[in-house]
Structure formats: C-alpha cells, structure tokens
Amino acid sequence: MSGWTIAFIAVIFGVGVLALLWWIVFNASRKAALEWKKNNPGEEVVLYANGANCFAFPGEKFTLRGNGLLVLTSTDLHFDMWGLKKQLKIDLRAIEHAGTVKSFAGRRGRLPLLHIIFRMPDGGQLETAFAVGNAQNWADVIRTGIAGGGRIKIQKERREDGSGT
C-alpha cells in the first residue's frame, strides 16, 4: 500500500471515531434532558445548560465532577450528570454565595466559572464551580433568587394584545 492510501484510511478512521464520540455525547445530553423533564414535571425553568461541567466538590462527604445538565428553576439549582446517576439539587435558600471565579479546585476554565457556596442539610458548607456559558448572568439570576427569599419570580412575556406566551 502506498503512503497516500494509508493516510486516507487513517483520516477516514479518525473521522469515524470523532463521529462516534459526537453521537455518544449528543445521546447522553438528550437522555439527561428527557429524564430531567420526566422527573420534574411542572417545574418552571429559568436557565438551562446541557453540557455544563461541574468542576468538583472538594470534600469527604460528597464528590461530583463531570459534564451534565444544569437547570435553574424558580426554587432550586439542579445538576444531573450524564451517564452516571449522580444528581445534585440545591435549594436557593441554602445558597450563601453565587459569583464567578477564574479557577476552582486546581482547575481553570477558559471562561469565568459559576461559583456556588451552599449549606448542607447537616449544617456543613460546600462549594462547587460550573463551566457554563454566561456564568455572570447565571450568578446574577441566582442572587436575585436569594434576595427574593429563595424564589425567582418568572415574568411571562407579554404579546402586544396583553396575553401571556
């Protein structure tokens, strides 16, 4: 076989592997979104990011790291990992701080990370960071919920005729 034939086969193989990886990620994200909707009927979604990366909980009690579905509802912040059945649900009333950081737990994101510090039911404190698009907007909306007593008021858009959408 010539060098060009081997190179062509290698390129075709590489494209095939990349397509397979893309399909696996797409399928995992789709399943996570469908499962979340099934398990949380009627929840009012404020912000939604499928593909958020949870950087870690550096603690002995709970460790969570990886990609998944990040959903902010009017009362809670949810994170469901893709593939693994690990979930996190943080009541907005338990969040003590929402902001952005450039690095967390020894990891650095290329964009600012959403940084959350919250109280555990046993009184302990944990923190985490999420790589998510527009982290500053997420932090601002979460702080609005904290200031609102743990509830984000959702205003429906109004059409010109005054009816809601």
C-alpha atoms as a PDB file:
ATOM      1  CA  MET A   1       0.000   0.000   0.000  1.00  0.00           C
ATOM      2  CA  SER A   2       1.162   3.484  -0.761  1.00  0.00           C
ATOM      3  CA  GLY A   3       1.617   6.190   1.842  1.00  0.00           C
ATOM      4  CA  TRP A   4      -1.365   8.103   0.463  1.00  0.00           C
ATOM      5  CA  THR A   5      -3.666   5.104   0.858  1.00  0.00           C
ATOM      6  CA  ILE A   6      -2.593   4.609   4.474  1.00  0.00           C
ATOM      7  CA  ALA A   7      -3.098   8.324   5.189  1.00  0.00           C
ATOM      8  CA  PHE A   8      -6.551   8.234   3.572  1.00  0.00           C
ATOM      9  CA  ILE A   9      -7.583   5.208   5.663  1.00  0.00           C
ATOM     10  CA  ALA A  10      -6.261   6.906   8.825  1.00  0.00           C
ATOM     11  CA  VAL A  11      -8.258  10.067   8.088  1.00  0.00           C
ATOM     12  CA  ILE A  12     -11.440   8.066   7.407  1.00  0.00           C
ATOM     13  CA  PHE A  13     -10.893   6.108  10.644  1.00  0.00           C
ATOM     14  CA  GLY A  14     -10.317   9.347  12.609  1.00  0.00           C
ATOM     15  CA  VAL A  15     -13.467  10.942  11.204  1.00  0.00           C
ATOM     16  CA  GLY A  16     -15.405   7.793  12.134  1.00  0.00           C
ATOM     17  CA  VAL A  17     -14.110   7.882  15.715  1.00  0.00           C
ATOM     18  CA  LEU A  18     -14.974  11.580  16.059  1.00  0.00           C
ATOM     19  CA  ALA A  19     -18.481  10.965  14.674  1.00  0.00           C
ATOM     20  CA  LEU A  20     -18.977   8.142  17.173  1.00  0.00           C
ATOM     21  CA  LEU A  21     -17.824  10.322  20.079  1.00  0.00           C
ATOM     22  CA  TRP A  22     -20.112  13.150  18.959  1.00  0.00           C
ATOM     23  CA  TRP A  23     -23.044  10.717  18.776  1.00  0.00           C
ATOM     24  CA  ILE A  24     -22.305   9.396  22.302  1.00  0.00           C
ATOM     25  CA  VAL A  25     -22.203  12.927  23.778  1.00  0.00           C
ATOM     26  CA  PHE A  26     -25.314  14.020  21.884  1.00  0.00           C
ATOM     27  CA  ASN A  27     -27.219  10.930  23.008  1.00  0.00           C
ATOM     28  CA  ALA A  28     -26.153  11.358  26.661  1.00  0.00           C
ATOM     29  CA  SER A  29     -27.204  15.012  26.700  1.00  0.00           C
ATOM     30  CA  ARG A  30     -30.554  14.233  25.073  1.00  0.00           C
ATOM     31  CA  LYS A  31     -31.270  11.440  27.556  1.00  0.00           C
ATOM     32  CA  ALA A  32     -30.346  13.669  30.514  1.00  0.00           C
ATOM     33  CA  ALA A  33     -32.723  16.408  29.365  1.00  0.00           C
ATOM     34  CA  LEU A  34     -35.592  13.970  28.756  1.00  0.00           C
ATOM     35  CA  GLU A  35     -35.086  12.265  32.106  1.00  0.00           C
ATOM     36  CA  TRP A  36     -34.948  15.589  33.969  1.00  0.00           C
ATOM     37  CA  LYS A  37     -38.212  16.724  32.359  1.00  0.00           C
ATOM     38  CA  LYS A  38     -39.848  13.396  33.237  1.00  0.00           C
ATOM     39  CA  ASN A  39     -38.683  13.549  36.870  1.00  0.00           C
ATOM     40  CA  ASN A  40     -39.570  17.235  37.360  1.00  0.00           C
ATOM     41  CA  PRO A  41     -42.968  17.805  35.750  1.00  0.00           C
ATOM     42  CA  GLY A  42     -44.345  21.312  36.004  1.00  0.00           C
ATOM     43  CA  GLU A  43     -41.066  22.897  37.131  1.00  0.00           C
ATOM     44  CA  GLU A  44     -40.573  26.432  35.876  1.00  0.00           C
ATOM     45  CA  VAL A  45     -37.170  26.529  34.166  1.00  0.00           C
ATOM     46  CA  VAL A  46     -35.357  29.854  34.465  1.00  0.00           C
ATOM     47  CA  LEU A  47     -31.960  28.902  32.964  1.00  0.00           C
ATOM     48  CA  TYR A  48     -30.809  25.696  31.301  1.00  0.00           C
ATOM     49  CA  ALA A  49     -27.384  24.446  30.183  1.00  0.00           C
ATOM     50  CA  ASN A  50     -26.935  20.959  28.776  1.00  0.00           C
ATOM     51  CA  GLY A  51     -23.206  20.299  28.768  1.00  0.00           C
ATOM     52  CA  ALA A  52     -22.187  22.212  31.880  1.00  0.00           C
ATOM     53  CA  ASN A  53     -19.040  20.903  33.541  1.00  0.00           C
ATOM     54  CA  CYS A  54     -19.115  20.509  37.321  1.00  0.00           C
ATOM     55  CA  PHE A  55     -15.540  21.051  38.446  1.00  0.00           C
ATOM     56  CA  ALA A  56     -15.705  19.280  41.834  1.00  0.00           C
ATOM     57  CA  PHE A  57     -16.770  19.217  45.414  1.00  0.00           C
ATOM     58  CA  PRO A  58     -13.502  19.088  47.268  1.00  0.00           C
ATOM     59  CA  GLY A  59     -14.797  17.329  50.360  1.00  0.00           C
ATOM     60  CA  GLU A  60     -15.017  13.977  52.062  1.00  0.00           C
ATOM     61  CA  LYS A  61     -18.817  13.803  52.189  1.00  0.00           C
ATOM     62  CA  PHE A  62     -19.634  14.286  48.530  1.00  0.00           C
ATOM     63  CA  THR A  63     -17.623  14.360  45.327  1.00  0.00           C
ATOM     64  CA  LEU A  64     -19.101  15.248  41.977  1.00  0.00           C
ATOM     65  CA  ARG A  65     -17.139  16.030  38.838  1.00  0.00           C
ATOM     66  CA  GLY A  66     -18.059  15.816  35.174  1.00  0.00           C
ATOM     67  CA  ASN A  67     -20.391  17.000  32.450  1.00  0.00           C
ATOM     68  CA  GLY A  68     -24.146  17.112  32.720  1.00  0.00           C
ATOM     69  CA  LEU A  69     -27.342  19.090  32.731  1.00  0.00           C
ATOM     70  CA  LEU A  70     -27.503  22.271  34.827  1.00  0.00           C
ATOM     71  CA  VAL A  71     -31.008  23.650  35.386  1.00  0.00           C
ATOM     72  CA  LEU A  72     -32.064  26.645  37.452  1.00  0.00           C
ATOM     73  CA  THR A  73     -35.735  26.553  38.407  1.00  0.00           C
ATOM     74  CA  SER A  74     -37.639  29.171  40.348  1.00  0.00           C
ATOM     75  CA  THR A  75     -36.642  27.496  43.654  1.00  0.00           C
ATOM     76  CA  ASP A  76     -33.664  25.159  43.051  1.00  0.00           C
ATOM     77  CA  LEU A  77     -30.409  24.621  41.185  1.00  0.00           C
ATOM     78  CA  HIS A  78     -30.228  21.093  39.694  1.00  0.00           C
ATOM     79  CA  PHE A  79     -27.215  19.262  38.247  1.00  0.00           C
ATOM     80  CA  ASP A  80     -27.641  15.797  36.697  1.00  0.00           C
ATOM     81  CA  MET A  81     -24.505  14.087  35.434  1.00  0.00           C
ATOM     82  CA  TRP A  82     -24.559  12.439  32.040  1.00  0.00           C
ATOM     83  CA  GLY A  83     -24.322   8.675  32.178  1.00  0.00           C
ATOM     84  CA  LEU A  84     -23.841   8.334  35.928  1.00  0.00           C
ATOM     85  CA  LYS A  85     -26.885   8.555  38.160  1.00  0.00           C
ATOM     86  CA  LYS A  86     -25.371  11.312  40.290  1.00  0.00           C
ATOM     87  CA  GLN A  87     -27.604  14.280  40.930  1.00  0.00           C
ATOM     88  CA  LEU A  88     -27.398  17.431  42.957  1.00  0.00           C
ATOM     89  CA  LYS A  89     -30.320  19.624  43.963  1.00  0.00           C
ATOM     90  CA  ILE A  90     -29.554  22.835  45.842  1.00  0.00           C
ATOM     91  CA  ASP A  91     -32.396  24.854  47.331  1.00  0.00           C
ATOM     92  CA  LEU A  92     -31.873  28.543  46.547  1.00  0.00           C
ATOM     93  CA  ARG A  93     -32.421  29.316  50.260  1.00  0.00           C
ATOM     94  CA  ALA A  94     -29.319  27.219  51.058  1.00  0.00           C
ATOM     95  CA  ILE A  95     -27.040  29.169  48.692  1.00  0.00           C
ATOM     96  CA  GLU A  96     -24.803  31.593  50.561  1.00  0.00           C
ATOM     97  CA  HIS A  97     -22.826  32.897  47.589  1.00  0.00           C
ATOM     98  CA  ALA A  98     -23.187  32.937  43.829  1.00  0.00           C
ATOM     99  CA  GLY A  99     -20.480  34.543  41.743  1.00  0.00           C
ATOM    100  CA  THR A 100     -17.787  33.836  39.204  1.00  0.00           C
ATOM    101  CA  VAL A 101     -14.184  32.694  39.546  1.00  0.00           C
ATOM    102  CA  LYS A 102     -11.378  32.059  37.069  1.00  0.00           C
ATOM    103  CA  SER A 103     -10.236  28.782  38.657  1.00  0.00           C
ATOM    104  CA  PHE A 104     -11.557  26.286  41.184  1.00  0.00           C
ATOM    105  CA  ALA A 105     -10.104  23.185  42.872  1.00  0.00           C
ATOM    106  CA  GLY A 106      -6.903  23.474  40.858  1.00  0.00           C
ATOM    107  CA  ARG A 107      -8.729  23.642  37.543  1.00  0.00           C
ATOM    108  CA  ARG A 108      -9.005  26.617  35.264  1.00  0.00           C
ATOM    109  CA  GLY A 109     -11.755  27.303  32.767  1.00  0.00           C
ATOM    110  CA  ARG A 110     -11.225  29.262  29.588  1.00  0.00           C
ATOM    111  CA  LEU A 111     -14.254  31.385  30.585  1.00  0.00           C
ATOM    112  CA  PRO A 112     -15.355  32.513  34.060  1.00  0.00           C
ATOM    113  CA  LEU A 113     -16.859  29.708  36.141  1.00  0.00           C
ATOM    114  CA  LEU A 114     -20.133  29.887  38.064  1.00  0.00           C
ATOM    115  CA  HIS A 115     -19.109  29.571  41.728  1.00  0.00           C
ATOM    116  CA  ILE A 116     -21.669  28.412  44.309  1.00  0.00           C
ATOM    117  CA  ILE A 117     -21.238  28.130  48.088  1.00  0.00           C
ATOM    118  CA  PHE A 118     -24.123  26.474  49.898  1.00  0.00           C
ATOM    119  CA  ARG A 119     -25.172  24.949  53.216  1.00  0.00           C
ATOM    120  CA  MET A 120     -25.752  21.214  53.511  1.00  0.00           C
ATOM    121  CA  PRO A 121     -28.783  19.947  55.472  1.00  0.00           C
ATOM    122  CA  ASP A 122     -26.420  18.875  58.296  1.00  0.00           C
ATOM    123  CA  GLY A 123     -25.167  22.463  58.602  1.00  0.00           C
ATOM    124  CA  GLY A 124     -21.867  21.944  56.792  1.00  0.00           C
ATOM    125  CA  GLN A 125     -20.795  24.138  53.923  1.00  0.00           C
ATOM    126  CA  LEU A 126     -19.780  23.004  50.425  1.00  0.00           C
ATOM    127  CA  GLU A 127     -18.787  24.818  47.277  1.00  0.00           C
ATOM    128  CA  THR A 128     -18.544  23.982  43.626  1.00  0.00           C
ATOM    129  CA  ALA A 129     -17.995  25.633  40.276  1.00  0.00           C
ATOM    130  CA  PHE A 130     -19.620  25.035  36.900  1.00  0.00           C
ATOM    131  CA  ALA A 131     -18.201  25.789  33.477  1.00  0.00           C
ATOM    132  CA  VAL A 132     -21.262  27.223  31.800  1.00  0.00           C
ATOM    133  CA  GLY A 133     -21.802  29.861  29.132  1.00  0.00           C
ATOM    134  CA  ASN A 134     -22.589  33.315  30.509  1.00  0.00           C
ATOM    135  CA  ALA A 135     -21.667  32.414  34.104  1.00  0.00           C
ATOM    136  CA  GLN A 136     -22.107  36.033  35.204  1.00  0.00           C
ATOM    137  CA  ASN A 137     -25.757  36.008  34.115  1.00  0.00           C
ATOM    138  CA  TRP A 138     -26.327  32.737  35.998  1.00  0.00           C
ATOM    139  CA  ALA A 139     -24.779  34.258  39.141  1.00  0.00           C
ATOM    140  CA  ASP A 140     -26.896  37.421  38.824  1.00  0.00           C
ATOM    141  CA  VAL A 141     -30.133  35.455  38.426  1.00  0.00           C
ATOM    142  CA  ILE A 142     -29.276  33.170  41.369  1.00  0.00           C
ATOM    143  CA  ARG A 143     -28.502  36.204  43.550  1.00  0.00           C
ATOM    144  CA  THR A 144     -31.904  37.609  42.565  1.00  0.00           C
ATOM    145  CA  GLY A 145     -33.467  34.378  43.825  1.00  0.00           C
ATOM    146  CA  ILE A 146     -31.502  34.541  47.077  1.00  0.00           C
ATOM    147  CA  ALA A 147     -32.647  38.137  47.605  1.00  0.00           C
ATOM    148  CA  GLY A 148     -36.222  37.067  46.812  1.00  0.00           C
ATOM    149  CA  GLY A 149     -36.302  34.658  49.743  1.00  0.00           C
ATOM    150  CA  GLY A 150     -35.283  31.621  47.729  1.00  0.00           C
ATOM    151  CA  ARG A 151     -37.674  32.093  44.838  1.00  0.00           C
ATOM    152  CA  ILE A 152     -37.135  33.603  41.401  1.00  0.00           C
ATOM    153  CA  LYS A 153     -40.170  35.364  40.091  1.00  0.00           C
ATOM    154  CA  ILE A 154     -40.742  34.398  36.484  1.00  0.00           C
ATOM    155  CA  GLN A 155     -42.330  37.076  34.368  1.00  0.00           C
ATOM    156  CA  LYS A 156     -44.019  35.766  31.283  1.00  0.00           C
ATOM    157  CA  GLU A 157     -43.526  37.737  28.123  1.00  0.00           C
ATOM    158  CA  ARG A 158     -46.491  39.759  27.026  1.00  0.00           C
ATOM    159  CA  ARG A 159     -47.720  39.973  23.482  1.00  0.00           C
ATOM    160  CA  GLU A 160     -48.958  43.222  22.051  1.00  0.00           C
ATOM    161  CA  ASP A 161     -52.526  42.147  22.830  1.00  0.00           C
ATOM    162  CA  GLY A 162     -51.576  41.749  26.520  1.00  0.00           C
ATOM    163  CA  SER A 163     -51.863  37.957  26.671  1.00  0.00           C
ATOM    164  CA  GLY A 164     -49.048  35.806  28.012  1.00  0.00           C
ATOM    165  CA  THR A 165     -46.962  33.491  25.869  1.00  0.00           C
END
